[in-house]
Amino acid sequence: MRTNIPEKLLKISDDIAEHGNANLTRLIVLKKWFENPVRLSAFAVWIATRAISRKGKTGGEAAQLFGEAKALLAGADKSHPELDRQAAEILHNRLRDFQCEYREQRWGPVRVVHNWNLMLVERALAIYLRHTDSPAAGYKLAADYCQNYDSRYGNGLNGPSRTKLEEVVRFMFSIEALESSA
């Protein structure tokens, strides 16, 4: 079913081009789109696939985890992904354990993330396995995927976020087209 959510994301991209940045919370419009659990699950797997394609140079255990994620996600259907749940659970646990370092800060413990893309895969698998009924988890995953740090604006939607937003929009259009043709 066609929605107007992709156009709202394109408006955010236009605002970034015009003003240099946009508030991360504007992505909250995605919650409505994620109310369909099939969409949320498909989005989570798509984000995980995007994250492993941007892994950069890694070695050791991180490289091994990327390889396992790539093998798990290989050939997943775009609109109705069916992953091996046991393998997904094992990989999710390994990803969580890989980056389980916390530092005590004045306001409480803060998780130290050494590899952002592996964290995206971890969160995507958590949605696929446990949170397909949580549009808020989808919004948070999208925000984590699209955000960018820029010293002029801080952490939010700016610069490279435009490309990522446009990728999300293309994904949404393709899912909505597949839903319409079904």
Protein backbone atom coordinates (compact mmCIF):
# COMPACT_ATOMS: atom_id res chain seq x y z
CA MET A 1 0.00 0.00 0.00
CA ARG A 2 1.38 3.39 -1.06
CA THR A 3 2.04 5.94 1.70
CA ASN A 4 3.31 9.52 1.79
CA ILE A 5 6.13 8.70 4.24
CA PRO A 6 8.85 8.49 1.54
CA GLU A 7 7.98 12.01 0.39
CA LYS A 8 8.34 13.25 3.97
CA LEU A 9 11.84 11.72 4.08
CA LEU A 10 12.69 13.41 0.78
CA LYS A 11 11.58 16.71 2.34
CA ILE A 12 14.05 16.08 5.19
CA SER A 13 16.78 15.46 2.59
CA ASP A 14 15.87 18.73 0.85
CA ASP A 15 16.03 20.56 4.19
CA ILE A 16 19.52 19.16 4.80
CA ALA A 17 20.58 20.44 1.38
CA GLU A 18 19.10 23.86 2.10
CA HIS A 19 20.05 24.36 5.76
CA GLY A 20 23.00 21.99 6.26
CA ASN A 21 21.28 19.81 8.82
CA ALA A 22 17.97 18.52 10.16
CA ASN A 23 16.92 17.21 13.54
CA LEU A 24 17.23 13.45 13.93
CA THR A 25 13.79 13.25 15.54
CA ARG A 26 12.17 14.15 12.22
CA LEU A 27 12.63 10.50 11.28
CA ILE A 28 9.82 9.71 13.71
CA VAL A 29 7.49 9.73 10.68
CA LEU A 30 8.88 6.25 9.98
CA LYS A 31 7.01 4.81 12.96
CA LYS A 32 3.77 4.90 10.98
CA TRP A 33 5.39 3.03 8.09
CA PHE A 34 6.82 0.43 10.49
CA GLU A 35 3.43 -0.43 12.01
CA ASN A 36 3.36 -3.27 9.48
CA PRO A 37 5.61 -5.96 11.07
CA VAL A 38 6.56 -7.37 7.66
CA ARG A 39 7.90 -3.96 6.61
CA LEU A 40 9.83 -3.59 9.86
CA SER A 41 11.39 -7.02 9.51
CA ALA A 42 12.31 -6.36 5.87
CA PHE A 43 13.79 -2.97 6.80
CA ALA A 44 15.89 -4.49 9.59
CA VAL A 45 17.36 -7.10 7.25
CA TRP A 46 17.96 -4.44 4.59
CA ILE A 47 19.82 -2.22 7.10
CA ALA A 48 21.95 -5.19 8.18
CA THR A 49 22.76 -5.89 4.53
CA ARG A 50 23.70 -2.25 3.95
CA ALA A 51 25.86 -2.23 7.10
CA ILE A 52 27.89 -5.28 6.07
CA SER A 53 28.44 -3.78 2.62
CA ARG A 54 30.07 -0.73 4.28
CA LYS A 55 32.31 -2.61 6.64
CA GLY A 56 35.57 -0.89 5.66
CA LYS A 57 38.87 -2.42 6.67
CA THR A 58 38.53 -4.84 9.54
CA GLY A 59 40.46 -7.77 10.84
CA GLY A 60 40.28 -10.44 13.48
CA GLU A 61 36.98 -11.19 15.17
CA ALA A 62 35.22 -8.22 13.53
CA ALA A 63 36.06 -9.55 10.06
CA GLN A 64 34.82 -12.99 11.08
CA LEU A 65 31.54 -11.49 12.35
CA PHE A 66 31.08 -9.60 9.08
CA GLY A 67 31.63 -12.85 7.18
CA GLU A 68 29.04 -14.68 9.30
CA ALA A 69 26.55 -11.85 8.82
CA LYS A 70 27.13 -11.87 5.08
CA ALA A 71 26.54 -15.63 4.94
CA LEU A 72 23.37 -15.34 7.04
CA LEU A 73 21.90 -12.51 4.97
CA ALA A 74 22.91 -13.84 1.55
CA GLY A 75 19.92 -14.33 -0.70
CA ALA A 76 17.35 -13.01 1.79
CA ASP A 77 14.09 -12.02 0.10
CA LYS A 78 13.78 -8.23 0.03
CA SER A 79 10.14 -7.95 1.08
CA HIS A 80 9.70 -11.12 3.20
CA PRO A 81 13.11 -12.15 4.51
CA GLU A 82 13.30 -15.60 6.07
CA LEU A 83 16.56 -16.06 7.94
CA ASP A 84 17.72 -19.13 9.82
CA ARG A 85 16.43 -18.05 13.25
CA GLN A 86 18.88 -20.18 15.20
CA ALA A 87 21.86 -18.86 13.24
CA ALA A 88 20.50 -15.31 13.56
CA GLU A 89 20.16 -15.72 17.33
CA ILE A 90 23.70 -17.07 17.67
CA LEU A 91 25.12 -14.25 15.54
CA HIS A 92 23.13 -11.63 17.44
CA ASN A 93 24.51 -12.90 20.75
CA ARG A 94 28.06 -12.94 19.40
CA LEU A 95 27.70 -9.39 18.08
CA ARG A 96 26.35 -8.19 21.43
CA ASP A 97 29.18 -9.93 23.30
CA PHE A 98 31.79 -8.55 20.88
CA GLN A 99 30.95 -4.96 21.86
CA CYS A 100 29.88 -5.34 25.48
CA GLU A 101 32.31 -2.82 26.93
CA TYR A 102 30.77 -0.09 29.08
CA ARG A 103 32.35 2.98 30.63
CA GLU A 104 30.98 4.60 33.72
CA GLN A 105 30.04 8.21 33.09
CA ARG A 106 28.63 10.80 35.43
CA TRP A 107 25.05 10.00 34.30
CA GLY A 108 25.50 6.23 34.12
CA PRO A 109 27.14 3.49 32.07
CA VAL A 110 27.74 4.18 28.37
CA ARG A 111 28.31 1.43 25.82
CA VAL A 112 31.56 1.70 23.88
CA VAL A 113 31.00 0.88 20.20
CA HIS A 114 34.16 0.04 18.29
CA ASN A 115 32.45 -0.88 15.02
CA TRP A 116 29.28 1.05 14.19
CA ASN A 117 28.32 -1.23 11.29
CA LEU A 118 28.45 -4.33 13.48
CA MET A 119 26.25 -2.54 15.99
CA LEU A 120 23.73 -1.82 13.21
CA VAL A 121 23.71 -5.52 12.30
CA GLU A 122 23.23 -6.43 15.96
CA ARG A 123 20.25 -4.08 16.34
CA ALA A 124 18.76 -5.17 13.03
CA LEU A 125 18.90 -8.83 14.09
CA ALA A 126 17.31 -7.92 17.43
CA ILE A 127 14.37 -6.40 15.55
CA TYR A 128 14.11 -9.39 13.22
CA LEU A 129 14.19 -11.86 16.11
CA ARG A 130 12.22 -10.08 18.84
CA HIS A 131 10.86 -6.65 17.99
CA THR A 132 8.82 -6.85 14.77
CA ASP A 133 5.97 -5.25 16.72
CA SER A 134 8.03 -2.21 17.74
CA PRO A 135 7.90 0.70 15.27
CA ALA A 136 10.02 2.64 17.79
CA ALA A 137 12.84 0.11 17.36
CA GLY A 138 12.64 0.61 13.59
CA TYR A 139 12.77 4.38 14.01
CA LYS A 140 15.83 4.05 16.28
CA LEU A 141 17.56 1.75 13.77
CA ALA A 142 16.86 4.20 10.93
CA ALA A 143 18.17 7.08 13.06
CA ASP A 144 21.33 5.12 13.90
CA TYR A 145 21.83 4.31 10.21
CA CYS A 146 21.23 7.84 8.89
CA GLN A 147 22.89 9.99 11.53
CA ASN A 148 26.24 11.62 10.94
CA TYR A 149 28.55 13.60 13.19
CA ASP A 150 29.63 17.00 11.90
CA SER A 151 31.45 19.43 14.21
CA ARG A 152 29.37 22.32 12.86
CA TYR A 153 26.05 20.65 13.72
CA GLY A 154 26.83 17.85 16.14
CA ASN A 155 25.24 14.45 15.78
CA GLY A 156 22.18 14.45 13.55
CA LEU A 157 21.08 14.48 9.96
CA ASN A 158 23.60 16.34 7.80
CA GLY A 159 25.86 15.90 4.79
CA PRO A 160 26.17 12.14 4.19
CA SER A 161 22.76 11.62 5.81
CA ARG A 162 21.12 12.79 2.59
CA THR A 163 22.47 9.81 0.65
CA LYS A 164 21.35 7.40 3.36
CA LEU A 165 17.88 8.96 3.53
CA GLU A 166 17.54 8.62 -0.22
CA GLU A 167 18.59 4.95 0.02
CA VAL A 168 15.87 4.42 2.64
CA VAL A 169 13.33 6.12 0.37
CA ARG A 170 14.27 3.86 -2.56
CA PHE A 171 13.90 0.84 -0.27
CA MET A 172 10.46 2.06 0.86
CA PHE A 173 9.31 2.67 -2.70
CA SER A 174 10.38 -0.82 -3.74
CA ILE A 175 8.60 -2.45 -0.76
CA GLU A 176 5.43 -0.46 -1.42
CA ALA A 177 5.58 -1.43 -5.11
CA LEU A 178 5.97 -5.11 -4.21
CA GLU A 179 3.03 -4.85 -1.80
CA SER A 180 0.86 -3.24 -4.50
CA SER A 181 1.70 -5.93 -7.06
CA ALA A 182 0.97 -8.78 -4.62
